[in-house]
């Protein structure tokens, strides 16, 4: 997903924080095997694969 995000990061000048869930019990419980996950303000936007339409909609708001 990180590779898929790169063009959006460059085009829209957004920042993305990578966070590993290993050894983070709360995150492991919340996301389990759904990684990679893209979230915004605690809300899950995408799991496994980037949803470009969802991301563009949020960026343009």
N, C-alpha and C. Protein backbone atom coordinates (compact mmCIF):
# COMPACT_ATOMS: atom_id res chain seq x y z
N UNK A 1 0.82 -1.19 0.00
CA UNK A 1 0.00 0.00 0.00
C UNK A 1 0.87 1.26 0.00
N UNK A 2 2.01 1.17 0.62
CA UNK A 2 2.89 2.32 0.67
C UNK A 2 3.31 2.77 -0.73
N UNK A 3 3.62 1.82 -1.59
CA UNK A 3 3.98 2.15 -2.97
C UNK A 3 2.80 2.79 -3.70
N UNK A 4 1.60 2.32 -3.42
CA UNK A 4 0.41 2.88 -4.06
C UNK A 4 0.13 4.30 -3.56
N UNK A 5 0.51 4.59 -2.32
CA UNK A 5 0.29 5.91 -1.75
C UNK A 5 1.27 6.96 -2.26
N UNK A 6 2.44 6.53 -2.66
CA UNK A 6 3.51 7.46 -3.03
C UNK A 6 3.06 8.55 -4.02
N UNK A 7 2.37 8.22 -5.11
CA UNK A 7 1.94 9.29 -6.03
C UNK A 7 1.01 10.31 -5.38
N UNK A 8 0.17 9.87 -4.46
CA UNK A 8 -0.75 10.77 -3.77
C UNK A 8 0.01 11.67 -2.80
N UNK A 9 1.00 11.11 -2.14
CA UNK A 9 1.83 11.88 -1.22
C UNK A 9 2.52 13.00 -1.96
N UNK A 10 3.07 12.68 -3.12
CA UNK A 10 3.78 13.68 -3.92
C UNK A 10 2.83 14.70 -4.54
N UNK A 11 1.73 14.24 -5.10
CA UNK A 11 0.82 15.14 -5.80
C UNK A 11 0.08 16.09 -4.85
N UNK A 12 -0.38 15.56 -3.73
CA UNK A 12 -1.20 16.35 -2.81
C UNK A 12 -0.45 16.84 -1.58
N UNK A 13 0.85 16.54 -1.53
CA UNK A 13 1.69 16.98 -0.41
C UNK A 13 1.09 16.58 0.95
N UNK A 14 0.71 15.32 1.05
CA UNK A 14 0.17 14.80 2.30
C UNK A 14 1.26 14.02 3.02
N UNK A 15 1.08 13.84 4.30
CA UNK A 15 2.04 13.06 5.06
C UNK A 15 1.37 11.78 5.56
N UNK A 16 2.16 10.74 5.64
CA UNK A 16 1.68 9.44 6.07
C UNK A 16 2.62 8.94 7.15
N UNK A 17 2.07 8.44 8.20
CA UNK A 17 2.87 7.90 9.29
C UNK A 17 2.77 6.38 9.26
N UNK A 18 3.90 5.73 9.14
CA UNK A 18 3.95 4.27 9.16
C UNK A 18 4.04 3.83 10.61
N UNK A 19 3.20 2.88 10.98
CA UNK A 19 3.21 2.39 12.35
C UNK A 19 3.11 0.87 12.33
N UNK A 20 4.08 0.25 12.96
CA UNK A 20 4.07 -1.20 13.06
C UNK A 20 3.18 -1.62 14.23
N UNK A 21 2.42 -2.69 14.03
CA UNK A 21 1.53 -3.14 15.10
C UNK A 21 2.14 -4.24 15.94
N UNK A 22 3.24 -4.81 15.50
CA UNK A 22 3.90 -5.86 16.28
C UNK A 22 4.25 -5.31 17.66
N UNK A 23 3.99 -6.11 18.66
CA UNK A 23 4.27 -5.75 20.05
C UNK A 23 3.44 -4.58 20.55
N UNK A 24 2.35 -4.28 19.86
CA UNK A 24 1.39 -3.26 20.31
C UNK A 24 0.05 -3.98 20.47
N UNK A 25 -0.22 -4.53 21.66
CA UNK A 25 -1.40 -5.38 21.86
C UNK A 25 -2.72 -4.75 21.39
N UNK A 26 -2.91 -3.47 21.66
CA UNK A 26 -4.16 -2.83 21.25
C UNK A 26 -4.30 -2.82 19.73
N UNK A 27 -3.23 -2.47 19.04
CA UNK A 27 -3.26 -2.42 17.58
C UNK A 27 -3.35 -3.82 16.98
N UNK A 28 -2.65 -4.77 17.57
CA UNK A 28 -2.74 -6.16 17.08
C UNK A 28 -4.16 -6.67 17.20
N UNK A 29 -4.82 -6.34 18.30
CA UNK A 29 -6.20 -6.79 18.50
C UNK A 29 -7.14 -6.10 17.51
N UNK A 30 -6.94 -4.81 17.29
CA UNK A 30 -7.82 -4.04 16.41
C UNK A 30 -7.67 -4.44 14.95
N UNK A 31 -6.42 -4.62 14.49
CA UNK A 31 -6.19 -4.85 13.06
C UNK A 31 -5.82 -6.27 12.70
N UNK A 32 -5.24 -7.01 13.63
CA UNK A 32 -4.89 -8.40 13.38
C UNK A 32 -4.21 -8.61 12.04
N UNK A 33 -4.82 -9.43 11.20
CA UNK A 33 -4.23 -9.74 9.90
C UNK A 33 -4.74 -8.82 8.78
N UNK A 34 -5.38 -7.72 9.14
CA UNK A 34 -5.93 -6.80 8.13
C UNK A 34 -4.89 -5.83 7.58
N UNK A 35 -3.66 -5.95 8.02
CA UNK A 35 -2.62 -5.02 7.58
C UNK A 35 -2.19 -5.31 6.16
N UNK A 36 -1.80 -4.32 5.40
CA UNK A 36 -1.72 -2.93 5.80
C UNK A 36 -3.10 -2.29 5.90
N UNK A 37 -3.18 -1.29 6.75
CA UNK A 37 -4.42 -0.55 6.98
C UNK A 37 -4.10 0.92 6.83
N UNK A 38 -4.97 1.66 6.18
CA UNK A 38 -4.84 3.10 6.09
C UNK A 38 -5.95 3.70 6.94
N UNK A 39 -5.57 4.54 7.90
CA UNK A 39 -6.55 5.17 8.78
C UNK A 39 -6.40 6.68 8.73
N UNK A 40 -7.45 7.35 9.13
CA UNK A 40 -7.43 8.79 9.28
C UNK A 40 -8.24 9.13 10.52
N UNK A 41 -7.59 9.75 11.47
CA UNK A 41 -8.25 10.12 12.73
C UNK A 41 -8.94 8.92 13.39
N UNK A 42 -8.28 7.77 13.35
CA UNK A 42 -8.80 6.57 13.99
C UNK A 42 -9.84 5.81 13.19
N UNK A 43 -10.21 6.33 12.04
CA UNK A 43 -11.21 5.66 11.18
C UNK A 43 -10.48 4.90 10.08
N UNK A 44 -10.84 3.64 9.89
CA UNK A 44 -10.23 2.82 8.85
C UNK A 44 -10.75 3.24 7.48
N UNK A 45 -9.82 3.54 6.59
CA UNK A 45 -10.18 3.92 5.22
C UNK A 45 -10.05 2.74 4.27
N UNK A 46 -8.97 1.99 4.40
CA UNK A 46 -8.69 0.87 3.50
C UNK A 46 -7.97 -0.22 4.28
N UNK A 47 -8.22 -1.44 3.89
CA UNK A 47 -7.50 -2.60 4.42
C UNK A 47 -6.93 -3.37 3.25
N UNK A 48 -5.72 -3.85 3.41
CA UNK A 48 -5.01 -4.66 2.42
C UNK A 48 -4.53 -3.87 1.21
N UNK A 49 -5.45 -3.15 0.55
CA UNK A 49 -5.12 -2.42 -0.67
C UNK A 49 -5.64 -1.00 -0.58
N UNK A 50 -5.00 -0.10 -1.26
CA UNK A 50 -5.43 1.29 -1.28
C UNK A 50 -6.70 1.43 -2.11
N UNK A 51 -7.63 2.21 -1.61
CA UNK A 51 -8.84 2.57 -2.34
C UNK A 51 -8.64 4.00 -2.83
N UNK A 52 -8.13 4.18 -4.05
CA UNK A 52 -7.80 5.52 -4.54
C UNK A 52 -8.99 6.48 -4.54
N UNK A 53 -10.17 6.00 -4.88
CA UNK A 53 -11.35 6.87 -4.92
C UNK A 53 -11.66 7.41 -3.53
N UNK A 54 -11.57 6.56 -2.52
CA UNK A 54 -11.81 6.99 -1.15
C UNK A 54 -10.79 8.04 -0.74
N UNK A 55 -9.54 7.81 -1.04
CA UNK A 55 -8.48 8.74 -0.68
C UNK A 55 -8.66 10.08 -1.37
N UNK A 56 -8.95 10.08 -2.64
CA UNK A 56 -9.14 11.33 -3.38
C UNK A 56 -10.32 12.10 -2.82
N UNK A 57 -11.40 11.41 -2.51
CA UNK A 57 -12.58 12.06 -1.93
C UNK A 57 -12.20 12.78 -0.64
N UNK A 58 -11.44 12.13 0.22
CA UNK A 58 -11.03 12.74 1.48
C UNK A 58 -10.08 13.91 1.27
N UNK A 59 -9.16 13.78 0.35
CA UNK A 59 -8.19 14.83 0.08
C UNK A 59 -8.89 16.08 -0.45
N UNK A 60 -9.88 15.89 -1.29
CA UNK A 60 -10.54 17.03 -1.93
C UNK A 60 -11.57 17.70 -1.05
N UNK A 61 -11.85 17.16 0.13
CA UNK A 61 -12.80 17.80 1.05
C UNK A 61 -12.18 18.99 1.72
